[in-house]
Protein backbone atom coordinates (compact mmCIF):
# COMPACT_ATOMS: atom_id res chain seq x y z
CA MET A 1 18.93 -2.62 12.76
CA SER A 2 17.05 -5.45 11.29
CA ILE A 3 14.30 -6.62 12.99
CA TYR A 4 12.35 -9.23 10.57
CA LYS A 5 13.58 -12.54 9.44
CA CYS A 6 13.86 -13.66 6.00
CA PRO A 7 11.30 -16.76 5.29
CA ASN A 8 13.65 -18.25 2.91
CA CYS A 9 16.89 -18.25 5.05
CA GLY A 10 15.74 -17.22 8.43
CA GLU A 11 18.12 -14.62 9.27
CA LYS A 12 17.32 -11.11 10.44
CA SER A 13 17.92 -9.02 7.20
CA PHE A 14 15.04 -6.70 6.99
CA ASN A 15 13.84 -3.59 8.60
CA PRO A 16 10.42 -1.95 8.63
CA ILE A 17 11.39 0.44 5.63
CA THR A 18 12.81 -2.42 3.60
CA LYS A 19 9.81 -4.56 4.51
CA ALA A 20 7.47 -1.76 3.44
CA MET A 21 9.06 -1.31 0.13
CA ALA A 22 8.88 -5.27 -0.60
CA GLY A 23 5.40 -4.87 -1.96
CA GLN A 24 2.55 -7.06 -2.49
CA LEU A 25 2.50 -10.73 -4.20
CA ASN A 26 2.27 -9.00 -7.70
CA SER A 27 5.46 -7.03 -7.14
CA ARG A 28 9.05 -8.00 -7.75
CA GLY A 29 9.95 -7.64 -3.91
CA ARG A 30 13.22 -6.88 -2.39
CA VAL A 31 16.21 -9.04 -2.14
CA CYS A 32 17.23 -10.30 1.18
CA MET A 33 20.95 -9.37 2.18
CA LYS A 34 22.02 -12.64 3.45
CA CYS A 35 20.78 -15.17 0.91
CA GLY A 36 20.06 -13.34 -2.10
CA ARG A 37 16.11 -14.45 -2.76
CA ARG A 38 13.50 -12.02 -3.18
CA ILE A 39 10.76 -11.70 -0.69
CA VAL A 40 7.39 -10.07 -0.75
CA ASN A 41 4.45 -9.18 1.87
CA GLY A 42 1.74 -11.90 2.00
CA LYS A 43 -1.52 -12.59 0.75
CA GLY A 44 -2.99 -10.53 3.86
CA ALA A 45 -1.19 -7.29 2.49
CA THR A 46 -2.58 -7.98 -1.23
CA ILE A 47 -6.08 -8.36 0.13
CA PHE A 48 -5.68 -4.92 2.22
CA ASN A 49 -4.03 -3.01 -0.53
CA ALA A 50 -6.63 -4.01 -2.89
CA ILE A 51 -9.64 -3.30 -0.43
CA PHE A 52 -7.84 -0.01 0.59
CA SER A 53 -7.62 1.36 -3.01
CA ILE A 54 -11.03 0.41 -3.60
CA LEU A 55 -12.13 2.47 -0.89
CA MET A 56 -9.98 5.32 -1.77
CA PHE A 57 -11.45 5.34 -5.26
CA ALA A 58 -14.91 5.35 -4.13
CA GLY A 59 -13.90 8.21 -1.60
CA ILE A 60 -12.77 10.16 -4.53
CA VAL A 61 -15.79 9.61 -6.71
CA ALA A 62 -18.37 10.31 -3.46
CA THR A 63 -16.24 13.66 -2.94
CA TYR A 64 -16.62 14.51 -6.44
CA LEU A 65 -20.26 13.62 -6.75
CA GLY A 66 -21.17 15.12 -3.38
CA ALA A 67 -19.32 18.81 -3.98
CA PRO A 68 -22.59 20.68 -4.76
CA LYS A 69 -22.59 22.28 -8.15
CA THR A 70 -25.66 24.68 -7.11
CA MET A 71 -26.28 26.41 -3.93
CA GLY A 72 -28.70 25.20 -1.34
CA THR A 73 -27.59 21.93 -0.27
CA SER A 74 -26.50 20.84 3.13
CA TYR A 75 -22.93 19.83 1.59
CA GLU A 76 -22.12 23.30 0.52
CA TRP A 77 -18.64 23.11 2.59
CA ILE A 78 -17.17 20.00 0.36
CA LYS A 79 -16.93 22.56 -2.86
CA ASP A 80 -14.37 24.82 -0.69
CA PHE A 81 -12.06 21.61 0.44
CA GLU A 82 -12.89 19.25 -2.85
CA LEU A 83 -9.33 19.75 -4.07
CA LEU A 84 -7.84 19.08 -0.68
CA ILE A 85 -9.84 16.07 0.08
CA THR A 86 -9.10 14.33 -3.12
CA VAL A 87 -5.11 14.90 -2.75
CA GLY A 88 -5.33 13.46 0.74
CA LEU A 89 -7.17 10.65 -0.58
CA LEU A 90 -4.64 9.75 -3.28
CA LEU A 91 -1.73 10.59 -0.83
CA ALA A 92 -3.23 8.07 1.55
CA LYS A 93 -3.66 5.20 -1.23
CA PHE A 94 0.03 5.25 -1.38
CA ILE A 95 1.20 5.97 2.42
CA VAL A 96 -1.23 4.04 4.56
CA PRO A 97 -0.64 0.58 2.46
CA ARG A 98 3.19 0.82 3.02
CA LEU A 99 2.87 1.74 6.61
CA VAL A 100 0.52 -1.40 7.16
CA ASN A 101 3.00 -3.50 5.28
CA ALA A 102 5.75 -2.23 7.17
CA PHE A 103 4.29 -3.61 10.82
CA PHE A 104 1.68 -5.90 10.30
CA PHE A 105 1.74 -8.36 7.49
CA LYS A 106 4.21 -11.65 7.27
CA MET A 107 6.75 -11.63 4.55
CA THR A 108 6.75 -14.76 1.95
CA PRO A 109 8.88 -15.55 -0.72
CA ALA A 110 8.23 -14.10 -4.18
CA ILE A 111 6.59 -16.21 -6.57
CA ARG A 112 6.61 -14.02 -9.38
CA ILE A 113 8.53 -15.23 -12.34
CA ASP A 114 10.32 -12.30 -14.28
CA PRO A 115 11.57 -12.87 -18.03
CA VAL A 116 15.13 -13.05 -18.22
CA SER A 117 16.43 -9.77 -19.93
């Protein structure tokens, strides 16, 4: 069931899964099944991905630095869950931008120029 229109041809040829996998402006994008041209998620998706990645990296660093190495601090519970928090932040870094791309940002034609192989 295609619900999103291709910005090149105007035909409904993308569903949320293919739109989520289209990527940002720096990716190759997905090929439209109707016209054969590539599309990507727009500038907003690229900005969101950059900001979200920086926040997740800051969360990982804060978790590492915040985990007490000695006893007697108020954040002792973090040392027990440090690995789980880090894995959760890494998974969120890859999953959340795809979910947001699938439903919230506009699609645009791909502008990346790939070398001919």
